[in-house]
């Protein structure tokens, strides 16, 4: 069990630490609040825990269906475009002392997970393999696996938001604007990639 949980942590961190929409959004929102990462992780968990339970009970194959992937790519691309464009539009209004709406990072965690096709594909493949191993330890093994995986998300995203917040306070308003610009650009990049992949599946 201990060996399996260590493997879970290593595999989970390799996925969690890979650059992606959630990473960019967490850094951007971390400019305003060091707790943004916690809220993004909570939103992520709102999607992830039911998804893990669904795969545990045999629904993993559903995520591999082309119509499902096409819909997720499309809505995910549109959501990322809206979020990235908004971040770039707000660069001029970034303020060191600005406060963030507590619900915004929570909603970002939910929607960026729900409409991220690569997140769903990861769970349909790598995640499903880990869950199949967790099944060998019974329900307790599955629950410990689920908590261990989510704690990796929580720790990494919290680190990103705290680092972003501290950086903004140390380096000033220009640092915030640069971070907003980079994160917004990354979100637009992923938006284009998602929509391109959606077109490939649809057509």
N, C-alpha and C. Protein backbone atom coordinates (compact mmCIF):
# COMPACT_ATOMS: atom_id res chain seq x y z
N UNK A 1 0.82 -1.20 0.00
CA UNK A 1 0.00 0.00 0.00
C UNK A 1 0.87 1.27 0.00
N UNK A 2 1.87 1.31 0.88
CA UNK A 2 2.75 2.48 0.96
C UNK A 2 3.48 2.69 -0.36
N UNK A 3 3.97 1.60 -0.93
CA UNK A 3 4.68 1.69 -2.21
C UNK A 3 3.75 2.22 -3.30
N UNK A 4 2.52 1.75 -3.31
CA UNK A 4 1.55 2.20 -4.32
C UNK A 4 1.23 3.68 -4.15
N UNK A 5 1.07 4.14 -2.92
CA UNK A 5 0.76 5.54 -2.67
C UNK A 5 1.93 6.45 -3.06
N UNK A 6 3.16 5.98 -2.85
CA UNK A 6 4.33 6.75 -3.29
C UNK A 6 4.37 6.85 -4.81
N UNK A 7 4.04 5.74 -5.47
CA UNK A 7 3.98 5.75 -6.93
C UNK A 7 2.89 6.71 -7.40
N UNK A 8 1.76 6.69 -6.71
CA UNK A 8 0.65 7.60 -7.04
C UNK A 8 1.10 9.04 -6.96
N UNK A 9 1.84 9.38 -5.89
CA UNK A 9 2.30 10.76 -5.70
C UNK A 9 3.25 11.17 -6.82
N UNK A 10 4.17 10.29 -7.19
CA UNK A 10 5.14 10.62 -8.24
C UNK A 10 4.47 10.80 -9.60
N UNK A 11 3.58 9.88 -9.93
CA UNK A 11 2.87 9.96 -11.22
C UNK A 11 1.96 11.19 -11.24
N UNK A 12 1.28 11.43 -10.12
CA UNK A 12 0.37 12.57 -10.03
C UNK A 12 1.12 13.88 -10.18
N UNK A 13 2.25 14.01 -9.50
CA UNK A 13 3.02 15.25 -9.57
C UNK A 13 3.55 15.50 -10.98
N UNK A 14 3.89 14.43 -11.69
CA UNK A 14 4.38 14.59 -13.06
C UNK A 14 3.31 15.20 -13.94
N UNK A 15 2.04 14.86 -13.66
CA UNK A 15 0.94 15.43 -14.43
C UNK A 15 0.57 16.81 -13.93
N UNK A 16 0.52 16.97 -12.62
CA UNK A 16 0.11 18.24 -12.01
C UNK A 16 1.10 19.35 -12.36
N UNK A 17 2.39 19.04 -12.39
CA UNK A 17 3.41 20.05 -12.60
C UNK A 17 3.63 20.38 -14.07
N UNK A 18 2.98 19.65 -14.97
CA UNK A 18 3.09 19.96 -16.39
C UNK A 18 2.36 21.27 -16.69
N UNK A 19 2.98 22.18 -17.46
CA UNK A 19 2.31 23.45 -17.78
C UNK A 19 0.98 23.22 -18.49
N UNK A 20 -0.02 23.97 -18.10
CA UNK A 20 -1.34 23.83 -18.70
C UNK A 20 -2.24 24.98 -18.28
N UNK A 21 -3.51 24.94 -18.69
CA UNK A 21 -4.44 26.02 -18.36
C UNK A 21 -4.58 26.28 -16.86
N UNK A 22 -4.65 25.22 -16.06
CA UNK A 22 -4.81 25.42 -14.61
C UNK A 22 -3.58 26.09 -14.02
N UNK A 23 -2.40 25.71 -14.51
CA UNK A 23 -1.16 26.34 -14.05
C UNK A 23 -1.18 27.83 -14.34
N UNK A 24 -1.52 28.19 -15.58
CA UNK A 24 -1.54 29.59 -15.99
C UNK A 24 -2.57 30.38 -15.19
N UNK A 25 -3.77 29.80 -15.01
CA UNK A 25 -4.82 30.50 -14.27
C UNK A 25 -4.45 30.69 -12.80
N UNK A 26 -3.82 29.69 -12.21
CA UNK A 26 -3.43 29.77 -10.80
C UNK A 26 -2.39 30.86 -10.58
N UNK A 27 -1.41 30.93 -11.47
CA UNK A 27 -0.38 31.97 -11.36
C UNK A 27 -0.99 33.35 -11.53
N UNK A 28 -1.88 33.48 -12.52
CA UNK A 28 -2.53 34.77 -12.76
C UNK A 28 -3.36 35.22 -11.58
N UNK A 29 -4.15 34.32 -11.02
CA UNK A 29 -5.00 34.67 -9.89
C UNK A 29 -4.20 34.80 -8.59
N UNK A 30 -3.06 34.12 -8.54
CA UNK A 30 -2.20 34.24 -7.38
C UNK A 30 -1.61 35.62 -7.20
N UNK A 31 -1.61 36.41 -8.27
CA UNK A 31 -1.14 37.79 -8.16
C UNK A 31 -1.95 38.57 -7.14
N UNK A 32 -3.23 38.22 -6.99
CA UNK A 32 -4.13 38.94 -6.10
C UNK A 32 -4.30 38.30 -4.73
N UNK A 33 -4.13 36.98 -4.67
CA UNK A 33 -4.35 36.30 -3.40
C UNK A 33 -3.46 35.06 -3.27
N UNK A 34 -2.76 34.91 -2.14
CA UNK A 34 -1.92 33.72 -1.96
C UNK A 34 -2.76 32.45 -1.78
N UNK A 35 -4.06 32.64 -1.53
CA UNK A 35 -4.94 31.49 -1.30
C UNK A 35 -5.67 31.05 -2.58
N UNK A 36 -5.37 31.70 -3.69
CA UNK A 36 -6.04 31.36 -4.94
C UNK A 36 -5.80 29.90 -5.31
N UNK A 37 -4.59 29.39 -5.07
CA UNK A 37 -4.27 28.01 -5.41
C UNK A 37 -5.12 27.02 -4.65
N UNK A 38 -5.42 27.33 -3.39
CA UNK A 38 -6.28 26.45 -2.58
C UNK A 38 -7.68 26.38 -3.19
N UNK A 39 -8.21 27.55 -3.61
CA UNK A 39 -9.55 27.58 -4.19
C UNK A 39 -9.59 26.91 -5.55
N UNK A 40 -8.53 27.08 -6.35
CA UNK A 40 -8.48 26.40 -7.65
C UNK A 40 -8.44 24.89 -7.43
N UNK A 41 -7.65 24.45 -6.44
CA UNK A 41 -7.55 23.02 -6.13
C UNK A 41 -8.90 22.46 -5.65
N UNK A 42 -9.62 23.25 -4.86
CA UNK A 42 -10.95 22.82 -4.40
C UNK A 42 -11.90 22.67 -5.58
N UNK A 43 -11.86 23.65 -6.51
CA UNK A 43 -12.69 23.55 -7.70
C UNK A 43 -12.31 22.36 -8.55
N UNK A 44 -11.02 22.13 -8.65
CA UNK A 44 -10.52 20.97 -9.39
C UNK A 44 -11.04 19.67 -8.76
N UNK A 45 -11.05 19.64 -7.43
CA UNK A 45 -11.53 18.45 -6.73
C UNK A 45 -13.01 18.21 -6.93
N UNK A 46 -13.80 19.29 -7.10
CA UNK A 46 -15.24 19.15 -7.34
C UNK A 46 -15.49 18.30 -8.59
N UNK A 47 -14.60 18.44 -9.59
CA UNK A 47 -14.72 17.65 -10.81
C UNK A 47 -14.00 16.31 -10.67
N UNK A 48 -12.83 16.35 -10.04
CA UNK A 48 -11.95 15.19 -10.04
C UNK A 48 -12.46 14.04 -9.17
N UNK A 49 -13.00 14.32 -7.99
CA UNK A 49 -13.45 13.22 -7.11
C UNK A 49 -14.60 12.42 -7.73
N UNK A 50 -15.65 13.08 -8.27
CA UNK A 50 -16.70 12.30 -8.94
C UNK A 50 -16.17 11.55 -10.16
N UNK A 51 -15.20 12.15 -10.87
CA UNK A 51 -14.61 11.49 -12.04
C UNK A 51 -13.87 10.22 -11.63
N UNK A 52 -13.10 10.32 -10.55
CA UNK A 52 -12.40 9.14 -10.04
C UNK A 52 -13.39 8.05 -9.63
N UNK A 53 -14.47 8.46 -8.97
CA UNK A 53 -15.49 7.49 -8.56
C UNK A 53 -16.13 6.85 -9.78
N UNK A 54 -16.41 7.65 -10.81
CA UNK A 54 -17.00 7.11 -12.03
C UNK A 54 -16.11 6.07 -12.69
N UNK A 55 -14.81 6.36 -12.76
CA UNK A 55 -13.87 5.40 -13.35
C UNK A 55 -13.77 4.16 -12.48
N UNK A 56 -13.80 4.34 -11.17
CA UNK A 56 -13.75 3.21 -10.24
C UNK A 56 -14.91 2.25 -10.49
N UNK A 57 -16.08 2.82 -10.84
CA UNK A 57 -17.25 1.99 -11.07
C UNK A 57 -17.46 1.65 -12.55
N UNK A 58 -16.43 1.93 -13.39
CA UNK A 58 -16.45 1.42 -14.76
C UNK A 58 -16.86 2.37 -15.85
N UNK A 59 -16.85 3.68 -15.61
CA UNK A 59 -17.31 4.63 -16.63
C UNK A 59 -16.16 5.25 -17.43
N UNK A 60 -14.95 4.73 -17.26
CA UNK A 60 -13.79 5.31 -17.92
C UNK A 60 -13.86 5.29 -19.43
N UNK A 61 -14.45 4.23 -20.02
CA UNK A 61 -14.50 4.11 -21.48
C UNK A 61 -15.30 5.24 -22.11
N UNK A 62 -16.26 5.81 -21.37
CA UNK A 62 -17.11 6.89 -21.89
C UNK A 62 -16.27 8.10 -22.31
N UNK A 63 -15.19 8.36 -21.57
CA UNK A 63 -14.35 9.52 -21.84
C UNK A 63 -13.57 9.39 -23.14
N UNK A 64 -13.46 8.16 -23.65
CA UNK A 64 -12.69 7.94 -24.88
C UNK A 64 -13.54 8.06 -26.13
N UNK A 65 -14.84 8.26 -25.99
CA UNK A 65 -15.72 8.36 -27.16
C UNK A 65 -15.46 9.67 -27.90
N UNK A 66 -15.39 9.61 -29.23
CA UNK A 66 -15.10 10.80 -30.03
C UNK A 66 -16.09 11.95 -29.81
N UNK A 67 -17.41 11.70 -29.74
CA UNK A 67 -18.34 12.81 -29.51
C UNK A 67 -18.07 13.52 -28.19
N UNK A 68 -17.71 12.76 -27.16
CA UNK A 68 -17.41 13.35 -25.85
C UNK A 68 -16.16 14.21 -25.95
N UNK A 69 -15.11 13.68 -26.58
CA UNK A 69 -13.87 14.44 -26.72
C UNK A 69 -14.09 15.70 -27.54
N UNK A 70 -14.89 15.60 -28.61
CA UNK A 70 -15.14 16.76 -29.47
C UNK A 70 -15.85 17.87 -28.70
N UNK A 71 -16.85 17.52 -27.90
CA UNK A 71 -17.57 18.52 -27.12
C UNK A 71 -16.67 19.18 -26.09
N UNK A 72 -15.85 18.38 -25.43
CA UNK A 72 -14.96 18.92 -24.40
C UNK A 72 -13.93 19.84 -25.02
N UNK A 73 -13.35 19.43 -26.16
CA UNK A 73 -12.38 20.28 -26.86
C UNK A 73 -13.02 21.62 -27.24
N UNK A 74 -14.23 21.57 -27.76
CA UNK A 74 -14.89 22.79 -28.24
C UNK A 74 -15.21 23.75 -27.11
N UNK A 75 -15.93 23.26 -26.09
CA UNK A 75 -16.29 24.14 -24.98
C UNK A 75 -15.05 24.57 -24.19
N UNK A 76 -14.07 23.67 -24.07
CA UNK A 76 -12.83 24.02 -23.39
C UNK A 76 -12.09 25.13 -24.11
N UNK A 77 -12.01 25.04 -25.43
CA UNK A 77 -11.33 26.07 -26.21
C UNK A 77 -12.00 27.42 -26.09
N UNK A 78 -13.33 27.42 -26.13
CA UNK A 78 -14.08 28.68 -26.02
C UNK A 78 -13.92 29.29 -24.63
N UNK A 79 -13.95 28.46 -23.60
CA UNK A 79 -13.80 28.97 -22.23
C UNK A 79 -12.40 29.55 -22.02
N UNK A 80 -11.38 28.87 -22.54
CA UNK A 80 -10.02 29.37 -22.39
C UNK A 80 -9.82 30.67 -23.15
N UNK A 81 -10.47 30.80 -24.30
CA UNK A 81 -10.37 32.05 -25.06
C UNK A 81 -10.97 33.20 -24.25
N UNK A 82 -12.14 32.96 -23.66
CA UNK A 82 -12.80 33.99 -22.85
C UNK A 82 -11.92 34.37 -21.66
N UNK A 83 -11.33 33.39 -21.02
CA UNK A 83 -10.52 33.64 -19.83
C UNK A 83 -9.21 34.34 -20.20
N UNK A 84 -8.54 33.87 -21.26
CA UNK A 84 -7.28 34.47 -21.67
C UNK A 84 -7.45 35.89 -22.15
N UNK A 85 -8.51 36.14 -22.95
CA UNK A 85 -8.77 37.49 -23.45
C UNK A 85 -9.08 38.43 -22.29
N UNK A 86 -9.82 37.94 -21.29
CA UNK A 86 -10.14 38.77 -20.13
C UNK A 86 -8.90 39.11 -19.33
N UNK A 87 -7.98 38.16 -19.21
CA UNK A 87 -6.75 38.40 -18.47
C UNK A 87 -5.90 39.45 -19.17
N UNK A 88 -5.79 39.38 -20.49
CA UNK A 88 -5.02 40.36 -21.24
C UNK A 88 -5.69 41.74 -21.18
N UNK A 89 -7.02 41.75 -21.22
CA UNK A 89 -7.76 43.01 -21.17
C UNK A 89 -7.58 43.71 -19.83
N UNK A 90 -7.35 42.93 -18.78
CA UNK A 90 -7.25 43.50 -17.43
C UNK A 90 -5.83 43.87 -17.02
N UNK A 91 -4.87 43.71 -17.94
CA UNK A 91 -3.48 44.01 -17.59
C UNK A 91 -3.34 45.44 -17.08
N UNK A 92 -3.97 46.38 -17.76
CA UNK A 92 -3.85 47.78 -17.36
C UNK A 92 -4.49 48.09 -16.03
N UNK A 93 -5.38 47.20 -15.55
CA UNK A 93 -6.07 47.48 -14.30
C UNK A 93 -5.49 46.69 -13.13
N UNK A 94 -4.37 45.99 -13.36
CA UNK A 94 -3.76 45.19 -12.29
C UNK A 94 -3.23 46.12 -11.21
N UNK A 95 -3.54 45.79 -9.95
CA UNK A 95 -3.08 46.59 -8.83
C UNK A 95 -2.51 45.69 -7.75
N UNK A 96 -1.44 46.14 -7.15
CA UNK A 96 -0.80 45.35 -6.11
C UNK A 96 -1.76 45.05 -4.97
N UNK A 97 -2.52 46.06 -4.59
CA UNK A 97 -3.39 45.88 -3.42
C UNK A 97 -4.75 45.33 -3.79
N UNK A 98 -4.96 45.03 -5.06
CA UNK A 98 -6.27 44.55 -5.49
C UNK A 98 -6.65 43.24 -4.82
N UNK A 99 -7.92 43.07 -4.59
CA UNK A 99 -8.42 41.83 -4.00
C UNK A 99 -9.17 41.05 -5.05
N UNK A 100 -9.20 39.75 -4.87
CA UNK A 100 -9.84 38.87 -5.86
C UNK A 100 -11.15 38.35 -5.31
N UNK A 101 -12.10 38.18 -6.18
CA UNK A 101 -13.38 37.59 -5.80
C UNK A 101 -13.13 36.15 -5.39
N UNK A 102 -13.52 35.80 -4.16
CA UNK A 102 -13.23 34.46 -3.65
C UNK A 102 -13.78 33.36 -4.51
N UNK A 103 -14.88 33.61 -5.23
CA UNK A 103 -15.45 32.54 -6.03
C UNK A 103 -14.78 32.36 -7.37
N UNK A 104 -14.03 33.38 -7.84
CA UNK A 104 -13.44 33.32 -9.18
C UNK A 104 -12.46 32.16 -9.35
N UNK A 105 -11.46 32.00 -8.47
CA UNK A 105 -10.53 30.88 -8.63
C UNK A 105 -11.21 29.53 -8.43
N UNK A 106 -12.22 29.48 -7.57
CA UNK A 106 -12.96 28.23 -7.37
C UNK A 106 -13.67 27.83 -8.67
N UNK A 107 -14.33 28.80 -9.31
CA UNK A 107 -15.01 28.53 -10.58
C UNK A 107 -14.01 28.16 -11.66
N UNK A 108 -12.85 28.83 -11.66
CA UNK A 108 -11.81 28.52 -12.64
C UNK A 108 -11.36 27.07 -12.49
N UNK A 109 -11.18 26.62 -11.24
CA UNK A 109 -10.77 25.24 -11.00
C UNK A 109 -11.78 24.25 -11.53
N UNK A 110 -13.06 24.58 -11.37
CA UNK A 110 -14.12 23.69 -11.86
C UNK A 110 -14.15 23.64 -13.37
N UNK A 111 -14.25 24.82 -14.00
CA UNK A 111 -14.42 24.85 -15.45
C UNK A 111 -13.17 24.44 -16.21
N UNK A 112 -11.99 24.81 -15.71
CA UNK A 112 -10.76 24.42 -16.39
C UNK A 112 -10.51 22.92 -16.30
N UNK A 113 -11.09 22.27 -15.30
CA UNK A 113 -11.00 20.81 -15.19
C UNK A 113 -12.07 20.15 -16.05
N UNK A 114 -13.27 20.68 -15.97
CA UNK A 114 -14.41 20.08 -16.67
C UNK A 114 -14.23 20.12 -18.18
N UNK A 115 -13.63 21.22 -18.68
CA UNK A 115 -13.50 21.39 -20.13
C UNK A 115 -12.06 21.26 -20.61
N UNK A 116 -11.26 20.51 -19.89
CA UNK A 116 -9.88 20.23 -20.32
C UNK A 116 -9.82 18.79 -20.83
N UNK A 117 -9.79 18.61 -22.15
CA UNK A 117 -9.81 17.25 -22.70
C UNK A 117 -8.60 16.43 -22.31
N UNK A 118 -7.45 17.08 -22.15
CA UNK A 118 -6.25 16.32 -21.80
C UNK A 118 -6.32 15.81 -20.36
N UNK A 119 -6.98 16.58 -19.51
CA UNK A 119 -7.23 16.13 -18.14
C UNK A 119 -8.11 14.88 -18.16
N UNK A 120 -9.16 14.89 -18.98
CA UNK A 120 -10.06 13.74 -19.06
C UNK A 120 -9.37 12.54 -19.70
N UNK A 121 -8.57 12.79 -20.74
CA UNK A 121 -7.85 11.69 -21.39
C UNK A 121 -6.84 11.08 -20.42
N UNK A 122 -6.18 11.93 -19.61
CA UNK A 122 -5.23 11.41 -18.63
C UNK A 122 -5.92 10.45 -17.67
N UNK A 123 -7.12 10.83 -17.23
CA UNK A 123 -7.85 9.96 -16.30
C UNK A 123 -8.36 8.70 -16.99
N UNK A 124 -8.67 8.80 -18.28
CA UNK A 124 -9.16 7.62 -19.00
C UNK A 124 -8.03 6.63 -19.29
N UNK A 125 -6.78 7.07 -19.16
CA UNK A 125 -5.64 6.20 -19.48
C UNK A 125 -4.77 5.97 -18.24
N UNK A 126 -3.91 6.93 -17.95
CA UNK A 126 -3.00 6.80 -16.80
C UNK A 126 -3.77 6.68 -15.49
N UNK A 127 -4.73 7.58 -15.30
CA UNK A 127 -5.52 7.55 -14.07
C UNK A 127 -6.28 6.26 -13.89
N UNK A 128 -6.86 5.77 -14.99
CA UNK A 128 -7.62 4.52 -14.91
C UNK A 128 -6.72 3.35 -14.53
N UNK A 129 -5.48 3.37 -15.00
CA UNK A 129 -4.52 2.31 -14.65
C UNK A 129 -4.21 2.34 -13.16
N UNK A 130 -4.00 3.55 -12.62
CA UNK A 130 -3.74 3.66 -11.19
C UNK A 130 -4.94 3.23 -10.36
N UNK A 131 -6.13 3.59 -10.82
CA UNK A 131 -7.34 3.20 -10.09
C UNK A 131 -7.52 1.69 -10.11
N UNK A 132 -7.19 1.06 -11.23
CA UNK A 132 -7.31 -0.40 -11.31
C UNK A 132 -6.37 -1.07 -10.30
N UNK A 133 -5.23 -0.46 -10.05
CA UNK A 133 -4.34 -0.99 -9.03
C UNK A 133 -4.88 -0.71 -7.63
N UNK A 134 -5.51 0.46 -7.46
CA UNK A 134 -6.08 0.80 -6.16
C UNK A 134 -7.19 -0.17 -5.78
N UNK A 135 -7.92 -0.66 -6.80
CA UNK A 135 -9.02 -1.60 -6.56
C UNK A 135 -8.51 -2.83 -5.82
N UNK A 136 -7.25 -3.21 -6.09
CA UNK A 136 -6.68 -4.38 -5.43
C UNK A 136 -6.56 -4.22 -3.93
N UNK A 137 -6.60 -2.99 -3.45
CA UNK A 137 -6.53 -2.74 -2.00
C UNK A 137 -7.91 -2.46 -1.41
N UNK A 138 -8.96 -2.64 -2.22
CA UNK A 138 -10.31 -2.43 -1.74
C UNK A 138 -10.71 -0.97 -1.71
N UNK A 139 -11.85 -0.70 -1.10
CA UNK A 139 -12.38 0.66 -1.04
C UNK A 139 -11.43 1.60 -0.30
N UNK A 140 -10.79 1.12 0.76
CA UNK A 140 -9.85 1.95 1.52
C UNK A 140 -8.69 2.37 0.62
N UNK A 141 -8.18 1.43 -0.18
CA UNK A 141 -7.09 1.74 -1.09
C UNK A 141 -7.48 2.80 -2.09
N UNK A 142 -8.70 2.70 -2.61
CA UNK A 142 -9.18 3.70 -3.58
C UNK A 142 -9.31 5.07 -2.93
N UNK A 143 -9.87 5.12 -1.73
CA UNK A 143 -10.04 6.41 -1.04
C UNK A 143 -8.69 7.06 -0.72
N UNK A 144 -7.73 6.26 -0.26
CA UNK A 144 -6.40 6.81 0.02
C UNK A 144 -5.74 7.29 -1.26
N UNK A 145 -5.92 6.56 -2.35
CA UNK A 145 -5.39 6.97 -3.64
C UNK A 145 -5.97 8.31 -4.05
N UNK A 146 -7.30 8.45 -3.94
CA UNK A 146 -7.98 9.67 -4.36
C UNK A 146 -7.48 10.88 -3.56
N UNK A 147 -7.35 10.71 -2.26
CA UNK A 147 -6.89 11.80 -1.39
C UNK A 147 -5.43 12.14 -1.69
N UNK A 148 -4.59 11.11 -1.87
CA UNK A 148 -3.17 11.34 -2.15
C UNK A 148 -3.00 12.12 -3.45
N UNK A 149 -3.77 11.74 -4.47
CA UNK A 149 -3.66 12.43 -5.77
C UNK A 149 -4.09 13.89 -5.63
N UNK A 150 -5.22 14.13 -4.96
CA UNK A 150 -5.71 15.50 -4.84
C UNK A 150 -4.78 16.36 -3.99
N UNK A 151 -4.14 15.77 -2.98
CA UNK A 151 -3.20 16.53 -2.16
C UNK A 151 -2.01 17.03 -2.99
N UNK A 152 -1.63 16.25 -4.01
CA UNK A 152 -0.57 16.70 -4.92
C UNK A 152 -1.02 17.96 -5.65
N UNK A 153 -2.28 17.97 -6.11
CA UNK A 153 -2.84 19.16 -6.75
C UNK A 153 -2.81 20.34 -5.78
N UNK A 154 -3.30 20.12 -4.57
CA UNK A 154 -3.41 21.18 -3.58
C UNK A 154 -2.05 21.79 -3.25
N UNK A 155 -1.06 20.95 -3.02
CA UNK A 155 0.27 21.43 -2.63
C UNK A 155 0.91 22.23 -3.77
N UNK A 156 0.84 21.71 -4.99
CA UNK A 156 1.50 22.37 -6.12
C UNK A 156 0.80 23.70 -6.46
N UNK A 157 -0.52 23.69 -6.54
CA UNK A 157 -1.24 24.90 -6.89
C UNK A 157 -1.12 25.96 -5.80
N UNK A 158 -1.08 25.54 -4.55
CA UNK A 158 -0.88 26.49 -3.45
C UNK A 158 0.50 27.13 -3.55
N UNK A 159 1.50 26.32 -3.87
CA UNK A 159 2.86 26.84 -4.04
C UNK A 159 2.91 27.88 -5.16
N UNK A 160 2.24 27.59 -6.29
CA UNK A 160 2.25 28.51 -7.42
C UNK A 160 1.61 29.85 -7.06
N UNK A 161 0.46 29.81 -6.38
CA UNK A 161 -0.23 31.06 -6.06
C UNK A 161 0.53 31.88 -5.02
N UNK A 162 1.13 31.22 -4.04
CA UNK A 162 1.92 31.93 -3.03
C UNK A 162 3.15 32.56 -3.69
N UNK A 163 3.82 31.81 -4.56
CA UNK A 163 5.00 32.33 -5.25
C UNK A 163 4.63 33.54 -6.11
N UNK A 164 3.49 33.44 -6.80
CA UNK A 164 3.04 34.54 -7.65
C UNK A 164 2.70 35.77 -6.80
N UNK A 165 2.02 35.56 -5.68
CA UNK A 165 1.64 36.66 -4.80
C UNK A 165 2.86 37.35 -4.21
N UNK A 166 3.82 36.56 -3.73
CA UNK A 166 5.04 37.13 -3.14
C UNK A 166 5.83 37.89 -4.20
N UNK A 167 5.88 37.32 -5.42
CA UNK A 167 6.61 37.98 -6.49
C UNK A 167 6.02 39.33 -6.82
N UNK A 168 4.67 39.40 -6.83
CA UNK A 168 4.01 40.67 -7.12
C UNK A 168 4.32 41.72 -6.07
N UNK A 169 4.42 41.30 -4.81
CA UNK A 169 4.69 42.26 -3.73
C UNK A 169 6.15 42.71 -3.75
N UNK A 170 7.03 41.81 -4.17
CA UNK A 170 8.46 42.14 -4.16
C UNK A 170 8.85 42.97 -5.39
N UNK A 171 8.36 42.57 -6.56
CA UNK A 171 8.80 43.19 -7.81
C UNK A 171 7.86 44.26 -8.34
N UNK A 172 6.69 44.41 -7.71
CA UNK A 172 5.82 45.52 -8.05
C UNK A 172 4.84 45.29 -9.18
N UNK A 173 4.19 46.38 -9.59
CA UNK A 173 3.09 46.33 -10.54
C UNK A 173 3.51 45.82 -11.91
N UNK A 174 4.76 46.13 -12.32
CA UNK A 174 5.21 45.68 -13.64
C UNK A 174 5.30 44.15 -13.68
N UNK A 175 5.71 43.57 -12.55
CA UNK A 175 5.77 42.11 -12.48
C UNK A 175 4.39 41.52 -12.68
N UNK A 176 3.39 42.12 -12.05
CA UNK A 176 2.01 41.65 -12.21
C UNK A 176 1.56 41.72 -13.66
N UNK A 177 1.88 42.82 -14.31
CA UNK A 177 1.44 42.99 -15.69
C UNK A 177 2.11 41.96 -16.60
N UNK A 178 3.38 41.70 -16.35
CA UNK A 178 4.10 40.70 -17.15
C UNK A 178 3.49 39.31 -16.94
N UNK A 179 3.21 38.98 -15.67
CA UNK A 179 2.61 37.67 -15.35
C UNK A 179 1.24 37.54 -16.00
N UNK A 180 0.42 38.60 -15.90
CA UNK A 180 -0.90 38.59 -16.53
C UNK A 180 -0.77 38.37 -18.03
N UNK A 181 0.19 39.08 -18.64
CA UNK A 181 0.38 38.96 -20.08
C UNK A 181 0.79 37.56 -20.50
N UNK A 182 1.75 36.98 -19.78
CA UNK A 182 2.23 35.63 -20.11
C UNK A 182 1.12 34.60 -19.91
N UNK A 183 0.43 34.70 -18.77
CA UNK A 183 -0.64 33.73 -18.48
C UNK A 183 -1.79 33.86 -19.48
N UNK A 184 -2.15 35.10 -19.81
CA UNK A 184 -3.20 35.31 -20.80
C UNK A 184 -2.83 34.74 -22.14
N UNK A 185 -1.57 34.95 -22.55
CA UNK A 185 -1.10 34.42 -23.82
C UNK A 185 -1.11 32.90 -23.83
N UNK A 186 -0.72 32.28 -22.71
CA UNK A 186 -0.74 30.82 -22.62
C UNK A 186 -2.17 30.29 -22.74
N UNK A 187 -3.11 30.96 -22.09
CA UNK A 187 -4.50 30.52 -22.16
C UNK A 187 -5.03 30.62 -23.58
N UNK A 188 -4.67 31.68 -24.30
CA UNK A 188 -5.09 31.82 -25.70
C UNK A 188 -4.44 30.74 -26.57
N UNK A 189 -3.18 30.41 -26.26
CA UNK A 189 -2.50 29.34 -27.00
C UNK A 189 -3.23 28.01 -26.82
N UNK A 190 -3.56 27.68 -25.56
CA UNK A 190 -4.27 26.43 -25.30
C UNK A 190 -5.67 26.46 -25.91
N UNK A 191 -6.29 27.64 -25.93
CA UNK A 191 -7.60 27.78 -26.56
C UNK A 191 -7.53 27.40 -28.03
N UNK A 192 -6.54 27.95 -28.74
CA UNK A 192 -6.38 27.62 -30.14
C UNK A 192 -6.09 26.16 -30.37
N UNK A 193 -5.27 25.57 -29.49
CA UNK A 193 -4.94 24.15 -29.61
C UNK A 193 -6.18 23.28 -29.40
N UNK A 194 -6.97 23.61 -28.39
CA UNK A 194 -8.18 22.85 -28.12
C UNK A 194 -9.16 22.92 -29.29
N UNK A 195 -9.35 24.14 -29.83
CA UNK A 195 -10.30 24.30 -30.93
C UNK A 195 -9.80 23.60 -32.20
N UNK A 196 -8.49 23.62 -32.43
CA UNK A 196 -7.93 22.91 -33.58
C UNK A 196 -8.14 21.41 -33.43
N UNK A 197 -7.89 20.90 -32.23
CA UNK A 197 -8.11 19.47 -32.00
C UNK A 197 -9.59 19.11 -32.11
N UNK A 198 -10.47 20.04 -31.70
CA UNK A 198 -11.90 19.81 -31.82
C UNK A 198 -12.29 19.69 -33.30
N UNK A 199 -11.72 20.55 -34.13
CA UNK A 199 -12.02 20.51 -35.57
C UNK A 199 -11.58 19.19 -36.17
N UNK A 200 -10.44 18.65 -35.72
CA UNK A 200 -9.95 17.38 -36.23
C UNK A 200 -10.89 16.24 -35.88
N UNK A 201 -11.46 16.31 -34.68
CA UNK A 201 -12.39 15.24 -34.26
C UNK A 201 -13.74 15.39 -34.97
N UNK A 202 -14.23 16.64 -35.06
CA UNK A 202 -15.53 16.86 -35.70
C UNK A 202 -15.49 16.51 -37.18
N UNK A 203 -14.39 16.89 -37.85
CA UNK A 203 -14.33 16.73 -39.30
C UNK A 203 -13.36 15.65 -39.76
